Each structure stands twice: as C-alpha cells, then as structure tokens.
C-alpha atoms as a PDB file:
ATOM      1  CA  MET A   1       7.589  29.194  10.329  1.00  0.00           C
ATOM      2  CA  ASN A   2       5.877  27.865  13.452  1.00  0.00           C
ATOM      3  CA  ALA A   3       6.517  24.117  13.754  1.00  0.00           C
ATOM      4  CA  TYR A   4       2.824  23.257  14.247  1.00  0.00           C
ATOM      5  CA  LEU A   5       1.973  25.100  11.048  1.00  0.00           C
ATOM      6  CA  GLU A   6       4.960  23.693   9.176  1.00  0.00           C
ATOM      7  CA  ILE A   7       4.036  20.077   9.959  1.00  0.00           C
ATOM      8  CA  LEU A   8       0.735  20.636   8.144  1.00  0.00           C
ATOM      9  CA  ARG A   9       2.743  21.516   5.019  1.00  0.00           C
ATOM     10  CA  PRO A  10       0.395  24.468   4.418  1.00  0.00           C
ATOM     11  CA  TRP A  11       1.278  24.925   0.748  1.00  0.00           C
ATOM     12  CA  ASN A  12       0.284  21.328   0.003  1.00  0.00           C
ATOM     13  CA  ALA A  13      -2.885  21.800   2.054  1.00  0.00           C
ATOM     14  CA  LEU A  14      -3.681  24.962   0.088  1.00  0.00           C
ATOM     15  CA  MET A  15      -3.378  22.953  -3.133  1.00  0.00           C
ATOM     16  CA  ALA A  16      -6.231  20.810  -1.797  1.00  0.00           C
ATOM     17  CA  VAL A  17      -8.249  23.975  -1.090  1.00  0.00           C
ATOM     18  CA  ILE A  18      -7.724  24.970  -4.714  1.00  0.00           C
ATOM     19  CA  THR A  19      -9.703  21.889  -5.782  1.00  0.00           C
ATOM     20  CA  ILE A  20     -12.710  23.215  -3.869  1.00  0.00           C
ATOM     21  CA  LEU A  21     -12.207  26.715  -5.243  1.00  0.00           C
ATOM     22  CA  LEU A  22     -12.006  25.324  -8.771  1.00  0.00           C
ATOM     23  CA  MET A  23     -15.268  23.443  -8.377  1.00  0.00           C
ATOM     24  CA  ALA A  24     -16.871  26.634  -7.027  1.00  0.00           C
ATOM     25  CA  ILE A  25     -15.588  28.625 -10.021  1.00  0.00           C
ATOM     26  CA  ILE A  26     -16.664  25.961 -12.524  1.00  0.00           C
ATOM     27  CA  SER A  27     -20.168  25.792 -11.021  1.00  0.00           C
ATOM     28  CA  GLY A  28     -20.423  29.524 -10.297  1.00  0.00           C
ATOM     29  CA  GLN A  29     -21.414  28.749  -6.700  1.00  0.00           C
ATOM     30  CA  PHE A  30     -19.755  30.568  -3.807  1.00  0.00           C
ATOM     31  CA  THR A  31     -21.865  29.514  -0.839  1.00  0.00           C
ATOM     32  CA  PHE A  32     -21.078  29.186   2.855  1.00  0.00           C
ATOM     33  CA  ASN A  33     -20.828  25.416   2.379  1.00  0.00           C
ATOM     34  CA  VAL A  34     -18.064  25.984  -0.169  1.00  0.00           C
ATOM     35  CA  PHE A  35     -16.217  28.051   2.437  1.00  0.00           C
ATOM     36  CA  LEU A  36     -16.638  25.245   4.985  1.00  0.00           C
ATOM     37  CA  ALA A  37     -15.488  22.681   2.410  1.00  0.00           C
ATOM     38  CA  GLY A  38     -12.301  24.692   1.899  1.00  0.00           C
ATOM     39  CA  ILE A  39     -11.644  24.604   5.634  1.00  0.00           C
ATOM     40  CA  VAL A  40     -12.319  20.869   5.716  1.00  0.00           C
ATOM     41  CA  VAL A  41      -9.831  19.949   2.997  1.00  0.00           C
ATOM     42  CA  PHE A  42      -7.140  22.237   4.437  1.00  0.00           C
ATOM     43  CA  VAL A  43      -7.503  20.810   7.936  1.00  0.00           C
ATOM     44  CA  ALA A  44      -7.843  17.189   6.779  1.00  0.00           C
ATOM     45  CA  THR A  45      -4.887  17.435   4.394  1.00  0.00           C
ATOM     46  CA  GLY A  46      -2.805  19.077   7.100  1.00  0.00           C
ATOM     47  CA  ALA A  47      -3.800  16.346   9.546  1.00  0.00           C
ATOM     48  CA  GLY A  48      -2.801  13.739   6.966  1.00  0.00           C
ATOM     49  CA  ASN A  49       0.606  15.363   6.567  1.00  0.00           C
ATOM     50  CA  ALA A  50       1.076  15.489  10.342  1.00  0.00           C
ATOM     51  CA  ILE A  51       0.128  11.830  10.909  1.00  0.00           C
ATOM     52  CA  ASN A  52       2.391  10.895   8.016  1.00  0.00           C
ATOM     53  CA  ASP A  53       5.308  12.665   9.725  1.00  0.00           C
ATOM     54  CA  TYR A  54       4.373  10.915  12.982  1.00  0.00           C
ATOM     55  CA  PHE A  55       4.750   7.442  11.493  1.00  0.00           C
ATOM     56  CA  ASP A  56       7.675   8.430   9.237  1.00  0.00           C
ATOM     57  CA  HIS A  57       9.836  10.164  11.846  1.00  0.00           C
ATOM     58  CA  LYS A  58      12.645   7.592  11.526  1.00  0.00           C
ATOM     59  CA  ILE A  59      12.732   7.787   7.729  1.00  0.00           C
ATOM     60  CA  ASP A  60      12.542  11.592   7.869  1.00  0.00           C
ATOM     61  CA  ALA A  61      15.544  11.615  10.208  1.00  0.00           C
ATOM     62  CA  ILE A  62      17.466  10.328   7.171  1.00  0.00           C
ATOM     63  CA  ASN A  63      15.656  11.881   4.204  1.00  0.00           C
ATOM     64  CA  ARG A  64      14.332  15.138   5.712  1.00  0.00           C
ATOM     65  CA  PRO A  65      15.983  15.832   9.083  1.00  0.00           C
ATOM     66  CA  GLN A  66      14.845  19.462   8.995  1.00  0.00           C
ATOM     67  CA  ARG A  67      11.167  18.522   9.482  1.00  0.00           C
ATOM     68  CA  PRO A  68       9.515  19.416  12.828  1.00  0.00           C
ATOM     69  CA  ILE A  69       9.655  15.954  14.478  1.00  0.00           C
ATOM     70  CA  PRO A  70      13.198  14.773  13.598  1.00  0.00           C
ATOM     71  CA  SER A  71      14.546  18.282  14.275  1.00  0.00           C
ATOM     72  CA  GLY A  72      13.041  18.121  17.786  1.00  0.00           C
ATOM     73  CA  ARG A  73      10.752  21.130  17.381  1.00  0.00           C
ATOM     74  CA  ILE A  74       7.638  18.983  17.974  1.00  0.00           C
ATOM     75  CA  ALA A  75       7.534  15.961  20.284  1.00  0.00           C
ATOM     76  CA  LEU A  76       6.396  12.727  18.631  1.00  0.00           C
ATOM     77  CA  LYS A  77       3.420  12.250  20.985  1.00  0.00           C
ATOM     78  CA  SER A  78       2.319  15.867  20.538  1.00  0.00           C
ATOM     79  CA  ALA A  79       2.338  15.462  16.748  1.00  0.00           C
ATOM     80  CA  GLY A  80       0.137  12.360  16.988  1.00  0.00           C
ATOM     81  CA  ILE A  81      -2.438  14.040  19.235  1.00  0.00           C
ATOM     82  CA  TYR A  82      -2.383  17.180  17.109  1.00  0.00           C
ATOM     83  CA  SER A  83      -3.173  15.243  13.932  1.00  0.00           C
ATOM     84  CA  LEU A  84      -6.057  13.307  15.512  1.00  0.00           C
ATOM     85  CA  VAL A  85      -7.634  16.512  16.832  1.00  0.00           C
ATOM     86  CA  LEU A  86      -7.436  18.032  13.353  1.00  0.00           C
ATOM     87  CA  PHE A  87      -9.011  14.934  11.777  1.00  0.00           C
ATOM     88  CA  ALA A  88     -11.878  15.117  14.279  1.00  0.00           C
ATOM     89  CA  LEU A  89     -12.415  18.810  13.497  1.00  0.00           C
ATOM     90  CA  ALA A  90     -12.506  18.148   9.747  1.00  0.00           C
ATOM     91  CA  ILE A  91     -15.017  15.298  10.165  1.00  0.00           C
ATOM     92  CA  ILE A  92     -17.329  17.402  12.348  1.00  0.00           C
ATOM     93  CA  ILE A  93     -17.338  20.260   9.821  1.00  0.00           C
ATOM     94  CA  GLY A  94     -17.911  17.751   7.024  1.00  0.00           C
ATOM     95  CA  PHE A  95     -21.093  16.492   8.663  1.00  0.00           C
ATOM     96  CA  ILE A  96     -22.201  20.088   9.242  1.00  0.00           C
ATOM     97  CA  ILE A  97     -22.108  20.529   5.450  1.00  0.00           C
ATOM     98  CA  GLY A  98     -24.158  17.372   4.906  1.00  0.00           C
ATOM     99  CA  LEU A  99     -24.349  13.612   5.376  1.00  0.00           C
ATOM    100  CA  LEU A 100     -22.564  12.626   2.154  1.00  0.00           C
ATOM    101  CA  PRO A 101     -19.770  15.210   2.556  1.00  0.00           C
ATOM    102  CA  GLY A 102     -19.347  14.061   6.156  1.00  0.00           C
ATOM    103  CA  LEU A 103     -19.064  10.425   5.116  1.00  0.00           C
ATOM    104  CA  ILE A 104     -16.487  11.346   2.464  1.00  0.00           C
ATOM    105  CA  VAL A 105     -14.384  13.212   5.030  1.00  0.00           C
ATOM    106  CA  LEU A 106     -14.700  10.378   7.571  1.00  0.00           C
ATOM    107  CA  SER A 107     -13.670   7.675   5.099  1.00  0.00           C
ATOM    108  CA  SER A 108     -10.879   9.849   3.703  1.00  0.00           C
ATOM    109  CA  SER A 109      -9.520  10.514   7.187  1.00  0.00           C
ATOM    110  CA  LEU A 110      -9.466   6.815   8.025  1.00  0.00           C
ATOM    111  CA  LEU A 111      -7.714   6.081   4.741  1.00  0.00           C
ATOM    112  CA  MET A 112      -5.104   8.777   5.415  1.00  0.00           C
ATOM    113  CA  ILE A 113      -4.362   7.324   8.837  1.00  0.00           C
ATOM    114  CA  TYR A 114      -4.117   3.769   7.481  1.00  0.00           C
ATOM    115  CA  TYR A 115      -1.986   5.035   4.605  1.00  0.00           C
ATOM    116  CA  ALA A 116       0.500   6.640   6.987  1.00  0.00           C
ATOM    117  CA  TYR A 117       0.505   3.601   9.293  1.00  0.00           C
ATOM    118  CA  ASP A 118       0.808   0.821   6.724  1.00  0.00           C
ATOM    119  CA  LEU A 119      -0.139   1.461   3.093  1.00  0.00           C
ATOM    120  CA  LYS A 120       2.590   3.991   2.331  1.00  0.00           C
ATOM    121  CA  SER A 121       5.320   1.366   2.478  1.00  0.00           C
ATOM    122  CA  ARG A 122       3.478  -1.108   0.224  1.00  0.00           C
ATOM    123  CA  CYS A 123       4.434  -1.394  -3.419  1.00  0.00           C
ATOM    124  CA  LEU A 124       2.067   0.819  -5.481  1.00  0.00           C
ATOM    125  CA  ILE A 125      -0.796   0.457  -2.949  1.00  0.00           C
ATOM    126  CA  GLY A 126       0.388   3.525  -1.081  1.00  0.00           C
ATOM    127  CA  ASN A 127       0.796   5.501  -4.305  1.00  0.00           C
ATOM    128  CA  ILE A 128      -2.706   4.556  -5.420  1.00  0.00           C
ATOM    129  CA  SER A 129      -4.154   5.515  -2.025  1.00  0.00           C
ATOM    130  CA  ILE A 130      -2.694   9.016  -1.933  1.00  0.00           C
ATOM    131  CA  SER A 131      -3.543   9.612  -5.604  1.00  0.00           C
ATOM    132  CA  PHE A 132      -7.116   8.488  -4.962  1.00  0.00           C
ATOM    133  CA  LEU A 133      -7.364  10.922  -2.048  1.00  0.00           C
ATOM    134  CA  THR A 134      -6.105  13.757  -4.247  1.00  0.00           C
ATOM    135  CA  GLY A 135      -8.721  13.016  -6.896  1.00  0.00           C
ATOM    136  CA  LEU A 136     -11.371  12.639  -4.221  1.00  0.00           C
ATOM    137  CA  SER A 137     -10.838  16.279  -3.207  1.00  0.00           C
ATOM    138  CA  PHE A 138     -12.371  17.282  -6.542  1.00  0.00           C
ATOM    139  CA  VAL A 139     -15.257  14.869  -6.075  1.00  0.00           C
ATOM    140  CA  PHE A 140     -15.844  16.222  -2.560  1.00  0.00           C
ATOM    141  CA  GLY A 141     -16.022  19.721  -4.012  1.00  0.00           C
ATOM    142  CA  GLY A 142     -18.298  18.452  -6.776  1.00  0.00           C
ATOM    143  CA  VAL A 143     -20.679  16.963  -4.217  1.00  0.00           C
ATOM    144  CA  VAL A 144     -20.800  20.261  -2.313  1.00  0.00           C
ATOM    145  CA  VAL A 145     -21.590  22.355  -5.419  1.00  0.00           C
ATOM    146  CA  GLY A 146     -23.638  19.735  -7.282  1.00  0.00           C
ATOM    147  CA  GLU A 147     -21.225  19.155 -10.191  1.00  0.00           C
ATOM    148  CA  ILE A 148     -20.316  15.527  -9.614  1.00  0.00           C
ATOM    149  CA  LEU A 149     -19.707  14.437 -13.230  1.00  0.00           C
ATOM    150  CA  ILE A 150     -17.216  17.225 -14.003  1.00  0.00           C
ATOM    151  CA  SER A 151     -15.494  16.650 -10.662  1.00  0.00           C
ATOM    152  CA  ILE A 152     -14.939  12.989 -11.565  1.00  0.00           C
ATOM    153  CA  PHE A 153     -13.187  14.015 -14.795  1.00  0.00           C
ATOM    154  CA  LEU A 154     -10.966  16.483 -12.959  1.00  0.00           C
ATOM    155  CA  GLY A 155     -10.356  14.008 -10.144  1.00  0.00           C
ATOM    156  CA  SER A 156      -9.207  11.416 -12.675  1.00  0.00           C
ATOM    157  CA  PHE A 157      -6.670  13.859 -14.120  1.00  0.00           C
ATOM    158  CA  ALA A 158      -5.413  14.675 -10.616  1.00  0.00           C
ATOM    159  CA  PHE A 159      -5.165  10.942  -9.868  1.00  0.00           C
ATOM    160  CA  LEU A 160      -2.920  10.305 -12.885  1.00  0.00           C
ATOM    161  CA  MET A 161      -0.568  13.197 -12.207  1.00  0.00           C
ATOM    162  CA  THR A 162      -0.357  12.436  -8.497  1.00  0.00           C
ATOM    163  CA  MET A 163       0.520   8.823  -9.317  1.00  0.00           C
ATOM    164  CA  ALA A 164       3.399  10.082 -11.443  1.00  0.00           C
ATOM    165  CA  ARG A 165       4.636  12.415  -8.712  1.00  0.00           C
ATOM    166  CA  GLU A 166       4.303   9.800  -5.959  1.00  0.00           C
ATOM    167  CA  ILE A 167       6.408   7.311  -7.918  1.00  0.00           C
ATOM    168  CA  VAL A 168       9.023   9.984  -8.654  1.00  0.00           C
ATOM    169  CA  LYS A 169       9.156  10.852  -4.946  1.00  0.00           C
ATOM    170  CA  ASP A 170       9.601   7.165  -4.071  1.00  0.00           C
ATOM    171  CA  VAL A 171      12.673   7.025  -6.288  1.00  0.00           C
ATOM    172  CA  GLU A 172      13.964  10.205  -4.650  1.00  0.00           C
ATOM    173  CA  ASP A 173      13.433   8.723  -1.149  1.00  0.00           C
ATOM    174  CA  MET A 174      14.714   5.274  -2.041  1.00  0.00           C
ATOM    175  CA  GLU A 175      17.746   5.185   0.281  1.00  0.00           C
ATOM    176  CA  GLY A 176      15.849   6.147   3.437  1.00  0.00           C
ATOM    177  CA  ASP A 177      12.988   3.802   2.558  1.00  0.00           C
ATOM    178  CA  LYS A 178      15.425   0.898   2.157  1.00  0.00           C
ATOM    179  CA  ILE A 179      16.760   1.401   5.656  1.00  0.00           C
ATOM    180  CA  GLU A 180      13.220   1.249   7.059  1.00  0.00           C
ATOM    181  CA  GLY A 181      12.403  -1.933   5.126  1.00  0.00           C
ATOM    182  CA  ALA A 182       9.766  -0.318   2.903  1.00  0.00           C
ATOM    183  CA  THR A 183       8.651  -2.146  -0.242  1.00  0.00           C
ATOM    184  CA  THR A 184       8.050   0.797  -2.563  1.00  0.00           C
ATOM    185  CA  LEU A 185       8.014   0.357  -6.341  1.00  0.00           C
ATOM    186  CA  PRO A 186      11.644   1.414  -6.978  1.00  0.00           C
ATOM    187  CA  ILE A 187      12.898  -0.839  -4.165  1.00  0.00           C
ATOM    188  CA  VAL A 188      10.998  -3.875  -5.458  1.00  0.00           C
ATOM    189  CA  TYR A 189      11.314  -3.369  -9.224  1.00  0.00           C
ATOM    190  CA  GLY A 190      14.101  -0.821  -9.580  1.00  0.00           C
ATOM    191  CA  LYS A 191      14.472   2.780 -10.686  1.00  0.00           C
ATOM    192  CA  LYS A 192      14.139   2.004 -14.377  1.00  0.00           C
ATOM    193  CA  VAL A 193      10.739   0.328 -14.134  1.00  0.00           C
ATOM    194  CA  SER A 194       9.553   3.090 -11.794  1.00  0.00           C
ATOM    195  CA  SER A 195      10.665   5.787 -14.231  1.00  0.00           C
ATOM    196  CA  TYR A 196       8.807   4.041 -17.075  1.00  0.00           C
ATOM    197  CA  LEU A 197       5.595   3.917 -15.054  1.00  0.00           C
ATOM    198  CA  ALA A 198       5.895   7.536 -13.892  1.00  0.00           C
ATOM    199  CA  ALA A 199       6.499   8.629 -17.476  1.00  0.00           C
ATOM    200  CA  PHE A 200       3.485   6.611 -18.621  1.00  0.00           C
ATOM    201  CA  PHE A 201       1.174   8.425 -16.180  1.00  0.00           C
ATOM    202  CA  MET A 202       2.533  11.825 -17.252  1.00  0.00           C
ATOM    203  CA  ILE A 203       2.177  11.039 -20.957  1.00  0.00           C
ATOM    204  CA  PHE A 204      -1.265   9.439 -20.593  1.00  0.00           C
ATOM    205  CA  ALA A 205      -2.618  12.387 -18.579  1.00  0.00           C
ATOM    206  CA  SER A 206      -1.161  14.819 -21.133  1.00  0.00           C
ATOM    207  CA  LEU A 207      -2.790  13.021 -24.058  1.00  0.00           C
ATOM    208  CA  ALA A 208      -6.132  12.512 -22.288  1.00  0.00           C
ATOM    209  CA  SER A 209      -6.587  15.998 -20.811  1.00  0.00           C
ATOM    210  CA  PRO A 210      -7.753  17.693 -24.082  1.00  0.00           C
ATOM    211  CA  ILE A 211     -10.805  15.395 -23.961  1.00  0.00           C
ATOM    212  CA  LEU A 212     -12.401  17.894 -21.568  1.00  0.00           C
ATOM    213  CA  TYR A 213     -12.207  20.494 -24.360  1.00  0.00           C
ATOM    214  CA  ILE A 214     -13.384  18.055 -27.045  1.00  0.00           C
ATOM    215  CA  MET A 215     -16.407  17.157 -24.895  1.00  0.00           C
ATOM    216  CA  GLY A 216     -17.273  20.845 -24.538  1.00  0.00           C
ATOM    217  CA  ILE A 217     -16.753  20.924 -20.763  1.00  0.00           C
ATOM    218  CA  PHE A 218     -14.061  23.618 -21.099  1.00  0.00           C
ATOM    219  CA  ASN A 219     -13.398  26.202 -23.805  1.00  0.00           C
ATOM    220  CA  LEU A 220     -10.385  27.100 -25.966  1.00  0.00           C
ATOM    221  CA  ILE A 221      -8.741  29.112 -23.174  1.00  0.00           C
ATOM    222  CA  TYR A 222      -8.408  25.871 -21.208  1.00  0.00           C
ATOM    223  CA  LEU A 223      -6.705  24.166 -24.131  1.00  0.00           C
ATOM    224  CA  LEU A 224      -4.197  26.994 -24.644  1.00  0.00           C
ATOM    225  CA  ILE A 225      -3.209  27.112 -20.966  1.00  0.00           C
ATOM    226  CA  LEU A 226      -3.112  23.332 -20.864  1.00  0.00           C
ATOM    227  CA  LEU A 227      -0.365  23.317 -23.506  1.00  0.00           C
ATOM    228  CA  VAL A 228       1.994  24.845 -20.932  1.00  0.00           C
ATOM    229  CA  ALA A 229       1.160  22.117 -18.409  1.00  0.00           C
ATOM    230  CA  ILE A 230       1.530  19.411 -21.059  1.00  0.00           C
ATOM    231  CA  ALA A 231       4.986  20.756 -21.941  1.00  0.00           C
ATOM    232  CA  LEU A 232       6.010  20.493 -18.283  1.00  0.00           C
ATOM    233  CA  PHE A 233       4.655  16.958 -17.989  1.00  0.00           C
ATOM    234  CA  LEU A 234       6.211  15.675 -21.205  1.00  0.00           C
ATOM    235  CA  THR A 235       9.633  17.187 -20.473  1.00  0.00           C
ATOM    236  CA  GLY A 236       9.368  15.673 -17.002  1.00  0.00           C
ATOM    237  CA  ALA A 237       8.609  12.272 -18.528  1.00  0.00           C
ATOM    238  CA  TRP A 238      11.616  12.590 -20.822  1.00  0.00           C
ATOM    239  CA  ALA A 239      13.852  13.604 -17.898  1.00  0.00           C
ATOM    240  CA  VAL A 240      12.974  10.590 -15.715  1.00  0.00           C
ATOM    241  CA  LEU A 241      13.468   8.218 -18.642  1.00  0.00           C
ATOM    242  CA  LYS A 242      16.968   9.623 -19.273  1.00  0.00           C
ATOM    243  CA  ASP A 243      18.188   9.901 -15.684  1.00  0.00           C
ATOM    244  CA  GLN A 244      16.959   8.439 -12.387  1.00  0.00           C
ATOM    245  CA  SER A 245      19.260  10.381 -10.059  1.00  0.00           C
ATOM    246  CA  MET A 246      17.910  11.884  -6.845  1.00  0.00           C
ATOM    247  CA  GLU A 247      18.478  15.414  -8.181  1.00  0.00           C
ATOM    248  CA  THR A 248      16.534  14.723 -11.378  1.00  0.00           C
ATOM    249  CA  MET A 249      13.670  13.129  -9.475  1.00  0.00           C
ATOM    250  CA  HIS A 250      13.517  16.099  -7.100  1.00  0.00           C
ATOM    251  CA  ASN A 251      13.373  18.532 -10.030  1.00  0.00           C
ATOM    252  CA  VAL A 252      10.731  16.508 -11.878  1.00  0.00           C
ATOM    253  CA  SER A 253       8.613  16.278  -8.722  1.00  0.00           C
ATOM    254  CA  LYS A 254       8.590  20.086  -8.555  1.00  0.00           C
ATOM    255  CA  ARG A 255       7.880  20.277 -12.295  1.00  0.00           C
ATOM    256  CA  ILE A 256       4.821  18.046 -11.925  1.00  0.00           C
ATOM    257  CA  LYS A 257       3.525  20.189  -9.064  1.00  0.00           C
ATOM    258  CA  ILE A 258       3.937  23.349 -11.165  1.00  0.00           C
ATOM    259  CA  GLY A 259       2.289  21.639 -14.135  1.00  0.00           C
ATOM    260  CA  MET A 260      -0.697  20.629 -12.031  1.00  0.00           C
ATOM    261  CA  PHE A 261      -1.041  24.198 -10.777  1.00  0.00           C
ATOM    262  CA  VAL A 262      -0.982  25.491 -14.369  1.00  0.00           C
ATOM    263  CA  ALA A 263      -3.596  22.907 -15.353  1.00  0.00           C
ATOM    264  CA  PHE A 264      -5.757  24.063 -12.423  1.00  0.00           C
ATOM    265  CA  ILE A 265      -5.561  27.609 -13.791  1.00  0.00           C
ATOM    266  CA  GLY A 266      -6.688  26.203 -17.133  1.00  0.00           C
ATOM    267  CA  PHE A 267      -9.663  24.488 -15.469  1.00  0.00           C
ATOM    268  CA  ALA A 268     -10.731  27.783 -13.931  1.00  0.00           C
ATOM    269  CA  MET A 269     -10.129  30.069 -16.924  1.00  0.00           C
ATOM    270  CA  GLY A 270     -11.688  27.608 -19.358  1.00  0.00           C
ATOM    271  CA  SER A 271     -14.883  27.093 -17.366  1.00  0.00           C
ATOM    272  CA  PRO A 272     -18.226  28.380 -18.715  1.00  0.00           C
ATOM    273  CA  PHE A 273     -18.736  30.552 -15.617  1.00  0.00           C
ATOM    274  CA  VAL A 274     -15.465  32.455 -16.064  1.00  0.00           C
ATOM    275  CA  ALA A 275     -16.035  32.677 -19.823  1.00  0.00           C
ATOM    276  CA  SER A 276     -19.418  34.314 -19.166  1.00  0.00           C
ATOM    277  CA  LEU A 277     -17.709  36.928 -16.980  1.00  0.00           C
ATOM    278  CA  ILE A 278     -14.989  37.635 -19.559  1.00  0.00           C
ATOM    279  CA  PHE A 279     -17.135  37.623 -22.664  1.00  0.00           C
END
C-alpha cells in the first residue's frame, strides 16, 4: 500500500464514513451533501491519523515500527504538512455543506490536532477526546440529514464502545508509552483498574443498546443482529478481566471493532427506511 494512503489508516477512516452512510440510510436521504459529508469524515479522520503518527513517531518506533514514519517511507516534516493540508480540505468542504457542519468540522479538526499533540498522553482525557470525536461523527451525519436526536443516541453508543477500545489499546501500548513518559490510565492506575473500566464500558453499552428498540427507534431486526455484537462485547469484557496480556488486549481490541461493525449493520437493517424497502 502507498505510504501516503497507509498513514491515513483508510479502513479506520472508512469506519467514520459508515457513520454518515448509516445516518443517510436511517433517514432515507441520499443527497449530494451526504456524499460531501462522507468525503469530509474520511479526509478529516485520515488527517487525524496522520497528525497522530507525526507526534507519535518515537513511540511508534517501539510499538509499531512498520508504520510509514518510523519505517522511513514518509519523512516526518512531509507527514505534518500532509495532515494539515487534509484538515484544511475537510474544513472547506464542511463549510460548503453549511455553517453548522463547517463549524463541527473545524472544531473537530482542532481537537484532533490538540489530542495528538497533548491530550493523548493524559490519563483518560485522551480516551474521552477520541471517543467524543467518534460519537460526533454520527451527530455530524445527523445534522446533515436532519436526524439529530437519533444521531445523539447512536453517537452515545459509539462513545461507550470507543472508550472501551481506547483503554484496551492503552494497555496494549503500555511499554512504549512508559518510555515516552505518557500518563495513560494503565500507567497511572495499573492494568487491573484499566481492565475493569474497559469491561464496564463494554457491559454498559451492551445493556443499554436495546433501549433503541424499546423506544421504537429500531425494529426487531436490529435487536436480533445486536445480539451478535453484544456477545462479542461481553466475551471481550470477560477476556480483559481474566487476562491483561498484550496478546489478549490486541485480540479484544479487534473484537470490539468487529462488534461495532456488526452493531452498525443492525442500525441500518433495523431502521424504518430499510424496513419499508424489505416489507
């Protein structure tokens, strides 16, 4: 894969695009602004990943030496300029969509830069920041399609699961973070406390997610698909409580990502718009 594409972590960026697509499916709106919103979140998320690699190049040399900057495939300065250009592009397109979407993209971009520069290494603050940004992708999509209330519910679910995954990843990256003097949750309070908190977020999100069915926002199809995601989350919670090894944390991190993807499918298939097409 080309290094300039790889540094964007395109699969992660596409997950952000899925939030826009989901809001379009839920609302039944497939306008040009939705298309632009998809471009915005892909570019902005990619820029966030690139600026994160820029500031984390020393840690990545230990934890992930195969990434574009530590492997020498992209110069450090080039990565910084590249990310800023992408942020600017995303902000411009955001304002083309509208004032409020533009302001959301601008504030999100600034938060992503500050996160990579400083917040990431702070105990829990960094986790909260990135989880907030993940949930905000849904809200951004909701603003574009006019379904703000539903997007807040979905954004809250994404926030909880991203918090769990971020904490799990911090445990996985603990050794490299220690060398760089980071003050992440597992470094400050230990692996055990971190595993308890990650498990709490997974369990709480699993128990709370059926509320969207109970409230009548999604139909029975959503609930049935959601059971698969809940199984992944709960087994992940059990795994981190039993064992805090790097291998376990890596596997649980992947399990959470798969579970979120399954839940996203449930959001789409259980929406009134899709139900009207099927039935």
